[in-house]
Amino acid sequence: MIREDDLKLVHYAGGHSPQLFNVRQDPWEISDLAHNPAYTQQLNQLQKRLYTLLDPNTVIEDYTRDQVALIEQLGGRERILAISEFNHTPLSNP
């Protein structure tokens, strides 16, 4: 996610389409502007800016690798799921 002025770009991993919102005019983020031709330039600019800050695909790969390692370190998925109480957020399913 990146925001510039009133526009907010939401980037999703896994090939899902990005979303673009004008958060001042649409604070509930109901109207996705990403497929509106009038916003093509802004969409491209925000995507370019996001990729100058980080590579979202690399972030997801790093996250997934770290989660797999942590699951292994904790004894595997089944062992983790057998824990009756958590003192942290449960692991996702990478």
Protein backbone atom coordinates (compact mmCIF):
# COMPACT_ATOMS: atom_id res chain seq x y z
CA MET A 1 0.00 0.00 0.00
CA ILE A 2 1.20 3.47 -0.82
CA ARG A 3 -0.53 6.80 -0.53
CA GLU A 4 0.21 10.08 -2.23
CA ASP A 5 -2.00 13.09 -1.58
CA ASP A 6 -5.60 11.84 -1.87
CA LEU A 7 -4.79 8.66 -3.80
CA LYS A 8 -4.13 5.31 -2.16
CA LEU A 9 -2.80 2.32 -4.09
CA VAL A 10 -3.33 -1.14 -2.63
CA HIS A 11 -1.02 -3.77 -4.10
CA TYR A 12 -1.89 -7.45 -3.73
CA ALA A 13 0.43 -10.42 -4.07
CA GLY A 14 -0.31 -13.40 -6.24
CA GLY A 15 -1.28 -11.57 -9.40
CA HIS A 16 -4.43 -9.97 -8.02
CA SER A 17 -5.33 -6.61 -9.52
CA PRO A 18 -4.29 -3.50 -7.61
CA GLN A 19 -6.90 -1.13 -6.24
CA LEU A 20 -6.81 2.65 -6.36
CA PHE A 21 -8.92 4.90 -4.17
CA ASN A 22 -9.39 8.62 -3.67
CA VAL A 23 -9.51 8.54 0.12
CA ARG A 24 -10.72 12.12 0.48
CA GLN A 25 -13.71 11.67 -1.83
CA ASP A 26 -14.22 8.00 -0.91
CA PRO A 27 -13.04 7.44 2.70
CA TRP A 28 -14.74 4.03 2.87
CA GLU A 29 -12.83 2.90 -0.25
CA ILE A 30 -15.93 1.76 -2.10
CA SER A 31 -15.10 2.97 -5.61
CA ASP A 32 -12.00 1.31 -7.10
CA LEU A 33 -10.46 3.69 -9.63
CA ALA A 34 -7.76 1.29 -10.88
CA HIS A 35 -9.68 0.38 -14.03
CA ASN A 36 -10.88 3.92 -14.72
CA PRO A 37 -8.97 5.23 -17.78
CA ALA A 38 -8.97 8.72 -16.27
CA TYR A 39 -6.65 7.42 -13.50
CA THR A 40 -4.23 5.35 -15.61
CA GLN A 41 -1.38 7.84 -15.26
CA GLN A 42 -1.80 8.17 -11.48
CA LEU A 43 -2.02 4.39 -11.11
CA ASN A 44 1.19 3.90 -13.09
CA GLN A 45 2.98 6.62 -11.12
CA LEU A 46 2.01 5.13 -7.77
CA GLN A 47 3.02 1.63 -8.88
CA LYS A 48 6.39 2.96 -10.04
CA ARG A 49 6.88 4.78 -6.74
CA LEU A 50 5.99 1.66 -4.76
CA TYR A 51 8.54 -0.39 -6.70
CA THR A 52 11.25 2.23 -6.09
CA LEU A 53 10.68 1.75 -2.35
CA LEU A 54 10.43 -2.05 -2.37
CA ASP A 55 9.63 -5.03 -4.55
CA PRO A 56 6.31 -6.37 -3.22
CA ASN A 57 6.95 -9.80 -4.71
CA THR A 58 10.27 -10.08 -2.86
CA VAL A 59 8.55 -9.01 0.36
CA ILE A 60 5.99 -11.82 -0.05
CA GLU A 61 8.72 -14.36 -0.85
CA ASP A 62 10.69 -13.30 2.24
CA TYR A 63 7.57 -13.41 4.42
CA THR A 64 6.61 -16.87 3.18
CA ARG A 65 10.14 -18.25 3.64
CA ASP A 66 10.29 -16.82 7.18
CA GLN A 67 6.87 -18.25 8.06
CA VAL A 68 7.81 -21.71 6.77
CA ALA A 69 11.02 -21.61 8.84
CA LEU A 70 9.13 -20.51 11.95
CA ILE A 71 6.52 -23.25 11.53
CA GLU A 72 9.33 -25.79 11.22
CA GLN A 73 11.13 -24.33 14.25
CA LEU A 74 7.96 -24.65 16.34
CA GLY A 75 7.48 -28.32 15.45
CA GLY A 76 5.26 -28.14 12.38
CA ARG A 77 1.76 -27.00 11.58
CA GLU A 78 -0.04 -29.84 13.40
CA ARG A 79 1.90 -29.24 16.60
CA ILE A 80 1.15 -25.51 16.44
CA LEU A 81 -2.56 -26.14 15.85
CA ALA A 82 -2.62 -28.48 18.84
CA ILE A 83 -1.59 -25.65 21.18
CA SER A 84 -4.69 -24.73 23.18
CA GLU A 85 -3.64 -21.16 24.03
CA PHE A 86 -1.71 -18.63 22.00
CA ASN A 87 0.24 -15.72 23.41
CA HIS A 88 0.64 -14.29 19.92
CA THR A 89 -1.12 -14.09 16.57
CA PRO A 90 -1.51 -17.59 15.06
CA LEU A 91 0.58 -18.37 11.98
CA SER A 92 -0.91 -18.03 8.53
CA ASN A 93 -0.96 -20.86 6.00
CA PRO A 94 1.88 -20.12 3.53
